N, C-alpha and C. Protein backbone atom coordinates (compact mmCIF):
# COMPACT_ATOMS: atom_id res chain seq x y z
N MET A 1 21.32 -17.18 26.73
CA MET A 1 21.52 -17.07 25.30
C MET A 1 20.18 -16.95 24.58
N ARG A 2 19.20 -17.78 24.96
CA ARG A 2 17.88 -17.71 24.33
C ARG A 2 17.23 -16.37 24.59
N PHE A 3 17.39 -15.87 25.81
CA PHE A 3 16.81 -14.59 26.16
C PHE A 3 17.37 -13.48 25.26
N ALA A 4 18.69 -13.52 25.04
CA ALA A 4 19.31 -12.51 24.17
C ALA A 4 18.77 -12.61 22.74
N LEU A 5 18.57 -13.83 22.25
CA LEU A 5 18.03 -14.02 20.91
C LEU A 5 16.60 -13.51 20.83
N ILE A 6 15.78 -13.83 21.81
CA ILE A 6 14.40 -13.35 21.85
C ILE A 6 14.38 -11.82 21.91
N LEU A 7 15.22 -11.26 22.74
CA LEU A 7 15.30 -9.81 22.86
C LEU A 7 15.73 -9.17 21.54
N ALA A 8 16.70 -9.75 20.89
CA ALA A 8 17.16 -9.21 19.61
C ALA A 8 16.08 -9.29 18.55
N LEU A 9 15.37 -10.41 18.51
CA LEU A 9 14.30 -10.56 17.52
C LEU A 9 13.13 -9.64 17.81
N SER A 10 12.80 -9.44 19.06
CA SER A 10 11.68 -8.56 19.39
C SER A 10 12.03 -7.10 19.16
N ALA A 11 13.31 -6.76 19.14
CA ALA A 11 13.70 -5.38 18.91
C ALA A 11 13.73 -5.04 17.43
N SER A 12 13.74 -6.08 16.56
CA SER A 12 13.75 -5.77 15.14
C SER A 12 12.38 -5.26 14.71
N PRO A 13 12.38 -4.35 13.75
CA PRO A 13 11.10 -3.79 13.32
C PRO A 13 10.24 -4.85 12.64
N ALA A 14 8.94 -4.78 12.89
CA ALA A 14 8.00 -5.69 12.23
C ALA A 14 7.50 -5.01 10.96
N PHE A 15 7.54 -5.76 9.88
CA PHE A 15 7.11 -5.21 8.60
C PHE A 15 5.83 -5.86 8.12
N ALA A 16 4.94 -6.19 9.01
CA ALA A 16 3.68 -6.83 8.64
C ALA A 16 2.66 -5.80 8.18
N TRP A 17 1.74 -6.25 7.36
CA TRP A 17 0.61 -5.41 6.97
C TRP A 17 -0.29 -5.24 8.18
N GLU A 18 -0.89 -4.06 8.32
CA GLU A 18 -1.77 -3.77 9.45
C GLU A 18 -3.08 -3.20 8.94
N PHE A 19 -4.14 -3.44 9.69
CA PHE A 19 -5.46 -2.89 9.38
C PHE A 19 -6.02 -2.22 10.62
N THR A 20 -6.59 -1.05 10.44
CA THR A 20 -7.32 -0.37 11.51
C THR A 20 -8.63 0.17 10.94
N PRO A 21 -9.73 0.01 11.66
CA PRO A 21 -11.02 0.48 11.16
C PRO A 21 -11.35 1.93 11.49
N ASN A 22 -10.61 2.54 12.43
CA ASN A 22 -10.98 3.89 12.88
C ASN A 22 -9.79 4.83 12.82
N PRO A 23 -9.96 6.08 12.49
CA PRO A 23 -11.22 6.75 12.21
C PRO A 23 -11.77 6.44 10.82
N VAL A 24 -10.93 5.98 9.89
CA VAL A 24 -11.41 5.47 8.59
C VAL A 24 -10.73 4.12 8.37
N CYS A 25 -11.28 3.32 7.48
CA CYS A 25 -10.67 2.03 7.17
C CYS A 25 -9.27 2.28 6.61
N THR A 26 -8.27 1.68 7.23
CA THR A 26 -6.88 1.91 6.82
C THR A 26 -6.11 0.60 6.78
N LEU A 27 -5.44 0.39 5.67
CA LEU A 27 -4.56 -0.74 5.45
C LEU A 27 -3.17 -0.16 5.27
N SER A 28 -2.20 -0.63 6.05
CA SER A 28 -0.88 0.00 5.98
C SER A 28 0.24 -1.04 6.07
N HIS A 29 1.39 -0.61 5.56
CA HIS A 29 2.58 -1.45 5.56
C HIS A 29 3.80 -0.53 5.49
N GLU A 30 4.82 -0.90 6.24
CA GLU A 30 6.03 -0.07 6.24
C GLU A 30 7.27 -0.95 6.15
N THR A 31 8.18 -0.53 5.29
CA THR A 31 9.49 -1.16 5.17
C THR A 31 10.51 -0.02 5.22
N PRO A 32 11.79 -0.33 5.28
CA PRO A 32 12.77 0.76 5.25
C PRO A 32 12.71 1.57 3.95
N GLU A 33 12.26 0.93 2.86
CA GLU A 33 12.24 1.60 1.56
C GLU A 33 10.97 2.42 1.31
N ALA A 34 9.84 2.03 1.91
CA ALA A 34 8.58 2.70 1.60
C ALA A 34 7.54 2.45 2.68
N SER A 35 6.61 3.37 2.78
CA SER A 35 5.42 3.11 3.58
C SER A 35 4.21 3.26 2.66
N VAL A 36 3.24 2.37 2.87
CA VAL A 36 2.04 2.32 2.05
C VAL A 36 0.84 2.46 2.96
N GLU A 37 -0.11 3.29 2.54
CA GLU A 37 -1.34 3.43 3.31
C GLU A 37 -2.51 3.50 2.33
N VAL A 38 -3.44 2.55 2.46
CA VAL A 38 -4.66 2.54 1.66
C VAL A 38 -5.78 2.90 2.61
N THR A 39 -6.60 3.87 2.21
CA THR A 39 -7.69 4.32 3.08
C THR A 39 -9.02 4.30 2.33
N PHE A 40 -10.10 4.18 3.11
CA PHE A 40 -11.45 4.30 2.60
C PHE A 40 -12.19 5.23 3.54
N ASP A 41 -12.62 6.37 3.00
CA ASP A 41 -13.38 7.35 3.77
C ASP A 41 -14.64 7.68 2.98
N PRO A 42 -15.79 7.11 3.35
CA PRO A 42 -17.01 7.28 2.57
C PRO A 42 -17.52 8.72 2.51
N ARG A 43 -16.96 9.61 3.31
CA ARG A 43 -17.38 11.01 3.28
C ARG A 43 -16.78 11.78 2.11
N LEU A 44 -15.79 11.19 1.45
CA LEU A 44 -15.11 11.88 0.35
C LEU A 44 -15.71 11.49 -1.00
N PRO A 45 -15.65 12.39 -1.99
CA PRO A 45 -16.16 12.06 -3.33
C PRO A 45 -15.40 10.89 -3.97
N GLU A 46 -14.12 10.80 -3.71
CA GLU A 46 -13.30 9.66 -4.12
C GLU A 46 -12.82 9.00 -2.83
N PRO A 47 -13.61 8.06 -2.32
CA PRO A 47 -13.36 7.55 -0.97
C PRO A 47 -12.12 6.69 -0.80
N TYR A 48 -11.61 6.10 -1.88
CA TYR A 48 -10.42 5.26 -1.78
C TYR A 48 -9.17 6.08 -2.11
N ALA A 49 -8.11 5.83 -1.36
CA ALA A 49 -6.83 6.50 -1.64
C ALA A 49 -5.69 5.57 -1.27
N ILE A 50 -4.61 5.71 -2.00
CA ILE A 50 -3.37 5.02 -1.65
C ILE A 50 -2.28 6.08 -1.59
N ALA A 51 -1.51 6.05 -0.53
CA ALA A 51 -0.38 6.97 -0.36
C ALA A 51 0.87 6.14 -0.19
N LEU A 52 1.88 6.43 -0.99
CA LEU A 52 3.17 5.74 -0.91
C LEU A 52 4.24 6.77 -0.61
N ALA A 53 4.89 6.60 0.52
CA ALA A 53 5.93 7.55 0.95
C ALA A 53 7.30 6.88 0.90
N LEU A 54 8.25 7.61 0.34
CA LEU A 54 9.63 7.14 0.25
C LEU A 54 10.54 8.10 0.99
N PRO A 55 11.50 7.60 1.75
CA PRO A 55 12.42 8.49 2.44
C PRO A 55 13.24 9.34 1.46
N VAL A 56 13.51 8.81 0.27
CA VAL A 56 14.31 9.53 -0.73
C VAL A 56 13.45 10.37 -1.66
N GLY A 57 12.15 10.20 -1.63
CA GLY A 57 11.25 10.94 -2.50
C GLY A 57 11.10 10.30 -3.88
N TRP A 58 10.09 10.76 -4.59
CA TRP A 58 9.77 10.28 -5.93
C TRP A 58 10.35 11.24 -6.97
N SER A 59 10.84 10.71 -8.08
CA SER A 59 11.26 11.56 -9.19
C SER A 59 10.01 11.95 -9.98
N GLU A 60 10.07 13.07 -10.67
CA GLU A 60 8.92 13.55 -11.44
C GLU A 60 8.67 12.68 -12.66
N SER A 61 7.40 12.44 -12.96
CA SER A 61 7.02 11.67 -14.14
C SER A 61 5.55 11.93 -14.42
N GLY A 62 5.08 11.46 -15.54
CA GLY A 62 3.68 11.66 -15.89
C GLY A 62 2.77 10.52 -15.49
N VAL A 63 3.30 9.31 -15.35
CA VAL A 63 2.45 8.15 -15.11
C VAL A 63 2.98 7.35 -13.92
N PHE A 64 2.09 7.02 -13.02
CA PHE A 64 2.39 6.16 -11.88
C PHE A 64 1.83 4.78 -12.18
N SER A 65 2.58 3.74 -11.84
CA SER A 65 2.06 2.38 -12.06
C SER A 65 2.33 1.49 -10.86
N LEU A 66 1.44 0.53 -10.70
CA LEU A 66 1.61 -0.56 -9.75
C LEU A 66 1.59 -1.84 -10.56
N ASP A 67 2.67 -2.59 -10.49
CA ASP A 67 2.77 -3.87 -11.18
C ASP A 67 2.77 -4.96 -10.12
N PHE A 68 1.73 -5.79 -10.15
CA PHE A 68 1.60 -6.87 -9.18
C PHE A 68 2.12 -8.16 -9.79
N GLN A 69 2.97 -8.85 -9.04
CA GLN A 69 3.50 -10.12 -9.51
C GLN A 69 3.11 -11.21 -8.52
N GLY A 70 2.68 -12.33 -9.07
CA GLY A 70 2.26 -13.44 -8.23
C GLY A 70 1.19 -14.25 -8.92
N ALA A 71 0.26 -14.78 -8.13
CA ALA A 71 -0.77 -15.69 -8.62
C ALA A 71 -1.62 -15.09 -9.75
N ARG A 72 -1.97 -13.83 -9.62
CA ARG A 72 -2.79 -13.16 -10.64
C ARG A 72 -2.19 -11.78 -10.91
N GLY A 73 -1.02 -11.80 -11.51
CA GLY A 73 -0.33 -10.56 -11.79
C GLY A 73 -1.16 -9.61 -12.65
N LEU A 74 -0.99 -8.34 -12.41
CA LEU A 74 -1.65 -7.33 -13.22
C LEU A 74 -0.88 -6.03 -13.07
N ALA A 75 -1.08 -5.16 -14.03
CA ALA A 75 -0.44 -3.84 -13.99
C ALA A 75 -1.53 -2.80 -14.14
N ILE A 76 -1.48 -1.78 -13.28
CA ILE A 76 -2.42 -0.67 -13.38
C ILE A 76 -1.62 0.63 -13.37
N SER A 77 -2.16 1.64 -14.01
CA SER A 77 -1.43 2.92 -14.05
C SER A 77 -2.41 4.08 -14.10
N THR A 78 -1.90 5.25 -13.76
CA THR A 78 -2.71 6.46 -13.77
C THR A 78 -1.80 7.68 -13.93
N ASP A 79 -2.39 8.75 -14.41
CA ASP A 79 -1.68 10.03 -14.43
C ASP A 79 -2.37 11.01 -13.49
N ARG A 80 -3.20 10.49 -12.58
CA ARG A 80 -3.96 11.33 -11.65
C ARG A 80 -3.36 11.37 -10.25
N GLN A 81 -2.08 11.11 -10.14
CA GLN A 81 -1.42 11.12 -8.84
C GLN A 81 -1.09 12.56 -8.41
N ARG A 82 -0.87 12.70 -7.10
CA ARG A 82 -0.43 13.98 -6.53
C ARG A 82 0.84 13.71 -5.73
N LEU A 83 1.79 14.60 -5.85
CA LEU A 83 3.00 14.55 -5.02
C LEU A 83 2.91 15.64 -3.97
N TRP A 84 3.38 15.36 -2.78
CA TRP A 84 3.39 16.36 -1.72
C TRP A 84 4.48 16.00 -0.72
N GLY A 85 4.68 16.88 0.23
CA GLY A 85 5.72 16.65 1.24
C GLY A 85 7.11 16.60 0.64
N GLY A 86 7.40 17.55 -0.25
CA GLY A 86 8.71 17.56 -0.89
C GLY A 86 8.92 16.38 -1.81
N ASN A 87 7.86 15.95 -2.47
CA ASN A 87 7.85 14.79 -3.38
C ASN A 87 8.11 13.47 -2.67
N ARG A 88 8.01 13.45 -1.36
CA ARG A 88 8.24 12.20 -0.62
C ARG A 88 7.01 11.29 -0.66
N THR A 89 5.82 11.87 -0.80
CA THR A 89 4.59 11.07 -0.78
C THR A 89 3.82 11.25 -2.08
N LEU A 90 3.41 10.14 -2.64
CA LEU A 90 2.60 10.10 -3.85
C LEU A 90 1.25 9.54 -3.45
N THR A 91 0.17 10.22 -3.86
CA THR A 91 -1.18 9.80 -3.51
C THR A 91 -2.03 9.68 -4.77
N VAL A 92 -2.84 8.64 -4.81
CA VAL A 92 -3.83 8.45 -5.87
C VAL A 92 -5.16 8.15 -5.18
N SER A 93 -6.22 8.80 -5.63
CA SER A 93 -7.55 8.52 -5.07
C SER A 93 -8.52 8.23 -6.21
N ASP A 94 -9.59 7.50 -5.85
CA ASP A 94 -10.58 7.12 -6.85
C ASP A 94 -11.86 6.68 -6.15
N ARG A 95 -12.90 6.43 -6.96
CA ARG A 95 -14.18 5.97 -6.41
C ARG A 95 -14.18 4.46 -6.14
N GLY A 96 -13.28 3.72 -6.75
CA GLY A 96 -13.18 2.28 -6.53
C GLY A 96 -11.74 1.84 -6.60
N PHE A 97 -11.41 0.79 -5.89
CA PHE A 97 -10.03 0.29 -5.83
C PHE A 97 -10.00 -1.21 -6.01
N GLY A 98 -10.94 -1.76 -6.76
CA GLY A 98 -11.00 -3.21 -6.93
C GLY A 98 -9.70 -3.81 -7.40
N ASN A 99 -9.10 -3.24 -8.45
CA ASN A 99 -7.84 -3.79 -8.97
C ASN A 99 -6.72 -3.67 -7.95
N VAL A 100 -6.66 -2.56 -7.23
CA VAL A 100 -5.61 -2.39 -6.22
C VAL A 100 -5.78 -3.43 -5.12
N LEU A 101 -7.00 -3.57 -4.61
CA LEU A 101 -7.24 -4.53 -3.52
C LEU A 101 -7.00 -5.96 -3.99
N ASN A 102 -7.46 -6.29 -5.21
CA ASN A 102 -7.21 -7.63 -5.74
C ASN A 102 -5.71 -7.89 -5.86
N GLY A 103 -4.98 -6.92 -6.37
CA GLY A 103 -3.53 -7.07 -6.52
C GLY A 103 -2.83 -7.27 -5.19
N LEU A 104 -3.22 -6.49 -4.19
CA LEU A 104 -2.61 -6.62 -2.87
C LEU A 104 -2.94 -7.96 -2.22
N GLU A 105 -4.15 -8.44 -2.45
CA GLU A 105 -4.62 -9.63 -1.75
C GLU A 105 -4.05 -10.93 -2.30
N VAL A 106 -3.87 -11.06 -3.61
CA VAL A 106 -3.56 -12.38 -4.18
C VAL A 106 -2.15 -12.51 -4.74
N ASN A 107 -1.37 -11.47 -4.70
CA ASN A 107 -0.03 -11.53 -5.29
C ASN A 107 1.05 -11.51 -4.21
N THR A 108 2.30 -11.65 -4.65
CA THR A 108 3.41 -11.73 -3.70
C THR A 108 4.21 -10.44 -3.59
N THR A 109 4.24 -9.64 -4.66
CA THR A 109 5.00 -8.40 -4.66
C THR A 109 4.30 -7.36 -5.53
N ALA A 110 4.35 -6.12 -5.09
CA ALA A 110 3.89 -5.00 -5.91
C ALA A 110 5.10 -4.12 -6.18
N PHE A 111 5.24 -3.70 -7.42
CA PHE A 111 6.29 -2.76 -7.78
C PHE A 111 5.63 -1.43 -8.09
N ALA A 112 5.92 -0.42 -7.28
CA ALA A 112 5.41 0.93 -7.51
C ALA A 112 6.46 1.67 -8.32
N ARG A 113 6.02 2.27 -9.45
CA ARG A 113 6.95 2.96 -10.34
C ARG A 113 6.41 4.33 -10.69
N PHE A 114 7.33 5.29 -10.66
CA PHE A 114 7.00 6.67 -11.05
C PHE A 114 8.31 7.32 -11.48
N GLY A 115 8.39 7.67 -12.75
CA GLY A 115 9.63 8.25 -13.26
C GLY A 115 10.76 7.26 -13.13
N ASP A 116 11.89 7.73 -12.64
CA ASP A 116 13.07 6.88 -12.46
C ASP A 116 13.05 6.12 -11.15
N THR A 117 11.98 6.26 -10.38
CA THR A 117 11.91 5.65 -9.06
C THR A 117 11.03 4.41 -9.10
N ALA A 118 11.51 3.33 -8.53
CA ALA A 118 10.74 2.10 -8.40
C ALA A 118 11.03 1.50 -7.04
N VAL A 119 10.02 0.93 -6.43
CA VAL A 119 10.18 0.30 -5.12
C VAL A 119 9.34 -0.97 -5.08
N ALA A 120 9.91 -2.03 -4.50
CA ALA A 120 9.20 -3.30 -4.33
C ALA A 120 8.50 -3.30 -2.97
N ILE A 121 7.26 -3.76 -2.98
CA ILE A 121 6.47 -3.83 -1.75
C ILE A 121 6.07 -5.29 -1.56
N PRO A 122 6.56 -5.94 -0.50
CA PRO A 122 6.21 -7.34 -0.26
C PRO A 122 4.75 -7.49 0.17
N LEU A 123 4.08 -8.51 -0.36
CA LEU A 123 2.65 -8.72 -0.08
C LEU A 123 2.39 -10.05 0.61
N SER A 124 3.42 -10.73 1.09
CA SER A 124 3.28 -12.10 1.58
C SER A 124 2.24 -12.25 2.68
N ASP A 125 2.05 -11.27 3.53
CA ASP A 125 1.07 -11.40 4.62
C ASP A 125 -0.08 -10.41 4.49
N ALA A 126 -0.31 -9.87 3.30
CA ALA A 126 -1.32 -8.83 3.12
C ALA A 126 -2.75 -9.36 3.06
N ALA A 127 -2.97 -10.57 2.55
CA ALA A 127 -4.32 -11.07 2.27
C ALA A 127 -5.31 -10.94 3.43
N PRO A 128 -4.99 -11.41 4.65
CA PRO A 128 -5.99 -11.30 5.72
C PRO A 128 -6.34 -9.84 6.06
N LYS A 129 -5.36 -8.97 5.95
CA LYS A 129 -5.61 -7.56 6.26
C LYS A 129 -6.42 -6.90 5.14
N VAL A 130 -6.19 -7.30 3.89
CA VAL A 130 -7.00 -6.78 2.78
C VAL A 130 -8.44 -7.24 2.94
N GLN A 131 -8.64 -8.47 3.37
CA GLN A 131 -10.00 -8.97 3.60
C GLN A 131 -10.70 -8.18 4.70
N ALA A 132 -9.98 -7.85 5.76
CA ALA A 132 -10.55 -7.02 6.83
C ALA A 132 -10.87 -5.63 6.31
N PHE A 133 -10.00 -5.09 5.47
CA PHE A 133 -10.23 -3.77 4.86
C PHE A 133 -11.50 -3.82 4.00
N ARG A 134 -11.65 -4.84 3.19
CA ARG A 134 -12.85 -4.97 2.34
C ARG A 134 -14.11 -5.02 3.20
N ALA A 135 -14.07 -5.79 4.28
CA ALA A 135 -15.23 -5.89 5.18
C ALA A 135 -15.55 -4.52 5.79
N CYS A 136 -14.52 -3.78 6.10
CA CYS A 136 -14.69 -2.45 6.70
C CYS A 136 -15.35 -1.48 5.72
N THR A 137 -15.02 -1.60 4.45
CA THR A 137 -15.58 -0.68 3.46
C THR A 137 -17.03 -1.01 3.16
N ASP A 138 -17.49 -2.16 3.65
CA ASP A 138 -18.87 -2.59 3.43
C ASP A 138 -19.15 -2.78 1.94
N ALA A 139 -18.09 -3.02 1.17
CA ALA A 139 -18.21 -3.26 -0.26
C ALA A 139 -17.23 -4.36 -0.63
N PRO A 140 -17.58 -5.63 -0.41
CA PRO A 140 -16.65 -6.73 -0.61
C PRO A 140 -16.01 -6.77 -1.99
N ASN A 141 -16.67 -6.29 -3.00
CA ASN A 141 -16.09 -6.31 -4.35
C ASN A 141 -15.69 -4.92 -4.80
N ALA A 142 -15.33 -4.07 -3.85
CA ALA A 142 -14.99 -2.68 -4.16
C ALA A 142 -13.87 -2.59 -5.15
């Protein structure tokens, strides 16, 4: 019976945040509703990027926002996003991502909103991976 329980639990998908340093610093998270990937590539003019992919795609809108809820909630928004892959992936890039990284590290949930589409992204285990990402970028206060 225990073996069956262990087998069933190990077969369920893991939705933990992950960090990889190569080929570029990458912080990622996947749930059934969305996948998130934050990257830092110092070779690019805007080295930081966040890509959010939804299986159902994003509806068209002018402003994308991330609303962080938790210990130090904050809301950030931009109209500089790009949609691609049949509107399934939304990407924003910039020269710095301090607010994004702070939001991911210290809060419990991020709500990504664009048009009529909104998705909740759990942040409960993100902090250690965000810290590894910051160390990888060689800019602790990026």
